[in-house]
PDB file of N, CA and C in Angstrom:
ATOM      1  N   MET A   1     -23.508 -12.305   2.497  1.00  0.00           N
ATOM      2  CA  MET A   1     -22.152 -11.981   2.080  1.00  0.00           C
ATOM      3  C   MET A   1     -21.273 -11.588   3.267  1.00  0.00           C
ATOM      4  N   ASN A   2     -20.187 -12.164   3.242  1.00  0.00           N
ATOM      5  CA  ASN A   2     -19.172 -11.759   4.341  1.00  0.00           C
ATOM      6  C   ASN A   2     -18.501 -10.520   4.067  1.00  0.00           C
ATOM      7  N   ARG A   3     -18.391  -9.703   4.800  1.00  0.00           N
ATOM      8  CA  ARG A   3     -17.573  -8.395   4.590  1.00  0.00           C
ATOM      9  C   ARG A   3     -16.620  -8.256   5.678  1.00  0.00           C
ATOM     10  N   PHE A   4     -15.274  -7.972   5.317  1.00  0.00           N
ATOM     11  CA  PHE A   4     -14.371  -7.750   6.257  1.00  0.00           C
ATOM     12  C   PHE A   4     -13.211  -6.907   5.562  1.00  0.00           C
ATOM     13  N   ILE A   5     -12.486  -6.132   6.491  1.00  0.00           N
ATOM     14  CA  ILE A   5     -11.345  -5.234   5.967  1.00  0.00           C
ATOM     15  C   ILE A   5     -10.166  -5.873   6.464  1.00  0.00           C
ATOM     16  N   MET A   6      -9.269  -5.912   5.451  1.00  0.00           N
ATOM     17  CA  MET A   6      -7.999  -6.516   5.821  1.00  0.00           C
ATOM     18  C   MET A   6      -6.957  -5.325   5.840  1.00  0.00           C
ATOM     19  N   ALA A   7      -6.289  -5.019   7.127  1.00  0.00           N
ATOM     20  CA  ALA A   7      -5.426  -4.014   7.193  1.00  0.00           C
ATOM     21  C   ALA A   7      -3.991  -4.575   7.496  1.00  0.00           C
ATOM     22  N   ASN A   8      -2.937  -3.981   6.807  1.00  0.00           N
ATOM     23  CA  ASN A   8      -1.550  -4.577   6.959  1.00  0.00           C
ATOM     24  C   ASN A   8      -0.983  -3.664   8.064  1.00  0.00           C
ATOM     25  N   SER A   9      -0.824  -4.168   9.314  1.00  0.00           N
ATOM     26  CA  SER A   9      -0.250  -3.497  10.245  1.00  0.00           C
ATOM     27  C   SER A   9       1.178  -3.031  10.150  1.00  0.00           C
ATOM     28  N   GLN A  10       1.873  -3.458   9.254  1.00  0.00           N
ATOM     29  CA  GLN A  10       3.254  -3.181   8.939  1.00  0.00           C
ATOM     30  C   GLN A  10       3.236  -1.809   8.200  1.00  0.00           C
ATOM     31  N   GLN A  11       2.158  -1.553   7.529  1.00  0.00           N
ATOM     32  CA  GLN A  11       2.133  -0.341   6.623  1.00  0.00           C
ATOM     33  C   GLN A  11       1.335   0.781   7.183  1.00  0.00           C
ATOM     34  N   CYS A  12       0.796   0.520   8.448  1.00  0.00           N
ATOM     35  CA  CYS A  12      -0.165   1.348   9.133  1.00  0.00           C
ATOM     36  C   CYS A  12       0.429   2.755   9.346  1.00  0.00           C
ATOM     37  N   LEU A  13      -0.237   3.799   8.953  1.00  0.00           N
ATOM     38  CA  LEU A  13       0.187   5.206   9.138  1.00  0.00           C
ATOM     39  C   LEU A  13      -0.586   5.801  10.325  1.00  0.00           C
ATOM     40  N   GLY A  14      -1.731   5.265  10.835  1.00  0.00           N
ATOM     41  CA  GLY A  14      -2.536   5.722  11.758  1.00  0.00           C
ATOM     42  C   GLY A  14      -3.533   6.682  11.453  1.00  0.00           C
ATOM     43  N   CYS A  15      -3.786   6.734  10.093  1.00  0.00           N
ATOM     44  CA  CYS A  15      -4.841   7.575   9.474  1.00  0.00           C
ATOM     45  C   CYS A  15      -6.260   7.321   9.779  1.00  0.00           C
ATOM     46  N   HIS A  16      -6.445   5.972  10.346  1.00  0.00           N
ATOM     47  CA  HIS A  16      -7.862   5.588  10.721  1.00  0.00           C
ATOM     48  C   HIS A  16      -8.826   5.313   9.397  1.00  0.00           C
ATOM     49  N   ALA A  17      -8.337   5.393   8.273  1.00  0.00           N
ATOM     50  CA  ALA A  17      -9.226   5.060   7.186  1.00  0.00           C
ATOM     51  C   ALA A  17      -9.682   3.628   7.100  1.00  0.00           C
ATOM     52  N   CYS A  18      -9.080   2.721   7.793  1.00  0.00           N
ATOM     53  CA  CYS A  18      -9.512   1.376   7.692  1.00  0.00           C
ATOM     54  C   CYS A  18     -10.638   1.283   8.756  1.00  0.00           C
ATOM     55  N   GLU A  19     -10.837   2.157   9.666  1.00  0.00           N
ATOM     56  CA  GLU A  19     -11.824   2.165  10.520  1.00  0.00           C
ATOM     57  C   GLU A  19     -13.199   2.621   9.744  1.00  0.00           C
ATOM     58  N   ILE A  20     -12.977   3.583   9.078  1.00  0.00           N
ATOM     59  CA  ILE A  20     -14.085   4.186   8.297  1.00  0.00           C
ATOM     60  C   ILE A  20     -14.587   3.130   7.372  1.00  0.00           C
ATOM     61  N   ALA A  21     -13.721   2.419   6.672  1.00  0.00           N
ATOM     62  CA  ALA A  21     -13.968   1.474   5.586  1.00  0.00           C
ATOM     63  C   ALA A  21     -14.752   0.319   6.473  1.00  0.00           C
ATOM     64  N   CYS A  22     -14.340  -0.029   7.721  1.00  0.00           N
ATOM     65  CA  CYS A  22     -15.004  -1.128   8.359  1.00  0.00           C
ATOM     66  C   CYS A  22     -16.454  -0.667   8.623  1.00  0.00           C
ATOM     67  N   VAL A  23     -16.754   0.434   8.974  1.00  0.00           N
ATOM     68  CA  VAL A  23     -17.936   0.891   9.446  1.00  0.00           C
ATOM     69  C   VAL A  23     -18.814   1.007   8.229  1.00  0.00           C
ATOM     70  N   MET A  24     -18.328   1.266   7.085  1.00  0.00           N
ATOM     71  CA  MET A  24     -19.222   1.461   5.854  1.00  0.00           C
ATOM     72  C   MET A  24     -19.397   0.096   5.405  1.00  0.00           C
ATOM     73  N   ALA A  25     -18.548  -0.900   5.541  1.00  0.00           N
ATOM     74  CA  ALA A  25     -18.759  -2.137   5.138  1.00  0.00           C
ATOM     75  C   ALA A  25     -19.792  -3.020   5.913  1.00  0.00           C
ATOM     76  N   HIS A  26     -19.884  -2.776   7.218  1.00  0.00           N
ATOM     77  CA  HIS A  26     -20.771  -3.288   8.080  1.00  0.00           C
ATOM     78  C   HIS A  26     -22.227  -2.809   8.149  1.00  0.00           C
ATOM     79  N   ASN A  27     -22.167  -1.407   7.700  1.00  0.00           N
ATOM     80  CA  ASN A  27     -23.623  -0.718   7.861  1.00  0.00           C
ATOM     81  C   ASN A  27     -24.144  -0.272   6.512  1.00  0.00           C
ATOM     82  N   ASP A  28     -23.702  -1.052   5.386  1.00  0.00           N
ATOM     83  CA  ASP A  28     -24.267  -0.836   4.278  1.00  0.00           C
ATOM     84  C   ASP A  28     -23.999   0.683   3.695  1.00  0.00           C
ATOM     85  N   GLU A  29     -23.029   1.206   4.193  1.00  0.00           N
ATOM     86  CA  GLU A  29     -22.750   2.738   3.868  1.00  0.00           C
ATOM     87  C   GLU A  29     -23.879   3.669   4.410  1.00  0.00           C
ATOM     88  N   GLN A  30     -24.506   3.406   5.374  1.00  0.00           N
ATOM     89  CA  GLN A  30     -25.569   4.280   6.030  1.00  0.00           C
ATOM     90  C   GLN A  30     -25.215   4.673   7.219  1.00  0.00           C
ATOM     91  N   HIS A  31     -25.500   5.935   7.657  1.00  0.00           N
ATOM     92  CA  HIS A  31     -25.255   6.577   9.013  1.00  0.00           C
ATOM     93  C   HIS A  31     -23.779   6.529   9.522  1.00  0.00           C
ATOM     94  N   VAL A  32     -22.964   6.447   8.487  1.00  0.00           N
ATOM     95  CA  VAL A  32     -21.532   6.429   8.991  1.00  0.00           C
ATOM     96  C   VAL A  32     -21.036   7.692   9.379  1.00  0.00           C
ATOM     97  N   LEU A  33     -21.567   8.863   8.953  1.00  0.00           N
ATOM     98  CA  LEU A  33     -21.068  10.194   9.466  1.00  0.00           C
ATOM     99  C   LEU A  33     -21.582  10.512  10.859  1.00  0.00           C
ATOM    100  N   SER A  34     -22.471   9.911  11.310  1.00  0.00           N
ATOM    101  CA  SER A  34     -23.044  10.274  12.569  1.00  0.00           C
ATOM    102  C   SER A  34     -22.193   9.523  13.642  1.00  0.00           C
ATOM    103  N   GLN A  35     -21.855  10.226  14.743  1.00  0.00           N
ATOM    104  CA  GLN A  35     -20.869   9.729  15.657  1.00  0.00           C
ATOM    105  C   GLN A  35     -21.608   8.659  16.555  1.00  0.00           C
ATOM    106  N   HIS A  36     -22.899   8.855  16.693  1.00  0.00           N
ATOM    107  CA  HIS A  36     -23.721   7.855  17.407  1.00  0.00           C
ATOM    108  C   HIS A  36     -23.734   6.483  16.731  1.00  0.00           C
ATOM    109  N   HIS A  37     -23.564   6.302  15.443  1.00  0.00           N
ATOM    110  CA  HIS A  37     -23.519   5.091  14.791  1.00  0.00           C
ATOM    111  C   HIS A  37     -22.198   4.578  14.410  1.00  0.00           C
ATOM    112  N   PHE A  38     -21.257   5.414  14.611  1.00  0.00           N
ATOM    113  CA  PHE A  38     -19.757   4.994  14.346  1.00  0.00           C
ATOM    114  C   PHE A  38     -19.072   3.973  15.256  1.00  0.00           C
ATOM    115  N   HIS A  39     -19.281   2.752  15.051  1.00  0.00           N
ATOM    116  CA  HIS A  39     -18.569   1.640  15.885  1.00  0.00           C
ATOM    117  C   HIS A  39     -17.823   0.783  15.012  1.00  0.00           C
ATOM    118  N   PRO A  40     -16.608   1.161  14.678  1.00  0.00           N
ATOM    119  CA  PRO A  40     -15.799   0.219  13.969  1.00  0.00           C
ATOM    120  C   PRO A  40     -15.356  -1.089  14.650  1.00  0.00           C
ATOM    121  N   ARG A  41     -15.289  -2.090  13.859  1.00  0.00           N
ATOM    122  CA  ARG A  41     -14.783  -3.493  14.448  1.00  0.00           C
ATOM    123  C   ARG A  41     -13.299  -3.597  14.230  1.00  0.00           C
ATOM    124  N   ILE A  42     -12.640  -2.524  13.610  1.00  0.00           N
ATOM    125  CA  ILE A  42     -11.319  -2.441  13.605  1.00  0.00           C
ATOM    126  C   ILE A  42     -10.630  -1.247  14.210  1.00  0.00           C
ATOM    127  N   THR A  43      -9.723  -1.427  14.974  1.00  0.00           N
ATOM    128  CA  THR A  43      -9.196  -0.327  15.728  1.00  0.00           C
ATOM    129  C   THR A  43      -7.758   0.028  15.563  1.00  0.00           C
ATOM    130  N   VAL A  44      -7.325   1.204  15.399  1.00  0.00           N
ATOM    131  CA  VAL A  44      -6.041   1.637  15.301  1.00  0.00           C
ATOM    132  C   VAL A  44      -5.580   1.744  16.719  1.00  0.00           C
ATOM    133  N   ILE A  45      -4.469   1.135  17.200  1.00  0.00           N
ATOM    134  CA  ILE A  45      -3.830   1.397  18.482  1.00  0.00           C
ATOM    135  C   ILE A  45      -2.524   1.938  18.325  1.00  0.00           C
ATOM    136  N   LYS A  46      -2.183   2.688  19.370  1.00  0.00           N
ATOM    137  CA  LYS A  46      -0.734   3.201  19.451  1.00  0.00           C
ATOM    138  C   LYS A  46      -0.048   2.746  20.623  1.00  0.00           C
ATOM    139  N   HIS A  47       1.200   2.250  20.285  1.00  0.00           N
ATOM    140  CA  HIS A  47       2.002   1.723  21.261  1.00  0.00           C
ATOM    141  C   HIS A  47       3.425   2.347  21.137  1.00  0.00           C
ATOM    142  N   GLN A  48       3.847   3.222  22.093  1.00  0.00           N
ATOM    143  CA  GLN A  48       5.039   4.131  21.932  1.00  0.00           C
ATOM    144  C   GLN A  48       4.921   4.931  20.888  1.00  0.00           C
ATOM    145  N   GLN A  49       5.880   4.773  19.670  1.00  0.00           N
ATOM    146  CA  GLN A  49       5.724   5.463  18.589  1.00  0.00           C
ATOM    147  C   GLN A  49       5.259   4.773  17.234  1.00  0.00           C
ATOM    148  N   GLN A  50       4.651   3.618  17.610  1.00  0.00           N
ATOM    149  CA  GLN A  50       4.097   2.733  16.422  1.00  0.00           C
ATOM    150  C   GLN A  50       2.636   2.625  16.507  1.00  0.00           C
ATOM    151  N   ARG A  51       2.090   2.668  15.451  1.00  0.00           N
ATOM    152  CA  ARG A  51       0.501   2.385  15.367  1.00  0.00           C
ATOM    153  C   ARG A  51       0.239   1.162  14.666  1.00  0.00           C
ATOM    154  N   SER A  52      -0.676   0.537  14.966  1.00  0.00           N
ATOM    155  CA  SER A  52      -1.127  -0.902  14.410  1.00  0.00           C
ATOM    156  C   SER A  52      -2.575  -0.932  14.328  1.00  0.00           C
ATOM    157  N   ALA A  53      -3.051  -1.641  13.271  1.00  0.00           N
ATOM    158  CA  ALA A  53      -4.506  -1.899  12.998  1.00  0.00           C
ATOM    159  C   ALA A  53      -4.792  -3.206  13.689  1.00  0.00           C
ATOM    160  N   VAL A  54      -5.946  -3.385  14.620  1.00  0.00           N
ATOM    161  CA  VAL A  54      -6.350  -4.530  15.130  1.00  0.00           C
ATOM    162  C   VAL A  54      -7.461  -5.072  14.221  1.00  0.00           C
ATOM    163  N   THR A  55      -7.494  -6.212  13.844  1.00  0.00           N
ATOM    164  CA  THR A  55      -8.314  -6.762  12.758  1.00  0.00           C
ATOM    165  C   THR A  55      -9.789  -6.695  12.851  1.00  0.00           C
ATOM    166  N   CYS A  56     -10.388  -6.464  11.874  1.00  0.00           N
ATOM    167  CA  CYS A  56     -11.994  -6.331  11.835  1.00  0.00           C
ATOM    168  C   CYS A  56     -12.469  -7.692  11.884  1.00  0.00           C
ATOM    169  N   HIS A  57     -13.519  -7.858  12.535  1.00  0.00           N
ATOM    170  CA  HIS A  57     -14.169  -9.143  12.746  1.00  0.00           C
ATOM    171  C   HIS A  57     -15.806  -8.986  12.438  1.00  0.00           C
TER     172      HIS A  57
END
C-alpha cells in the first residue's frame, strides 16, 4: 500500500501536524514518540514570515 500525506502549503500554519502524520503513516504508528525514530519525510520550512510544507515522499 502506498502511503503519503498531502499538505496544502497555502493553508499551512506551521503547526508541524503534517510531520507527525507522515511519521505515523510510514512507521505503522510505532515508535513515533521517540526522538530517535522521528524522521518525517515532509518538512515545514519558514521563509521570512511564511511557512510552507515540503511534500512527503
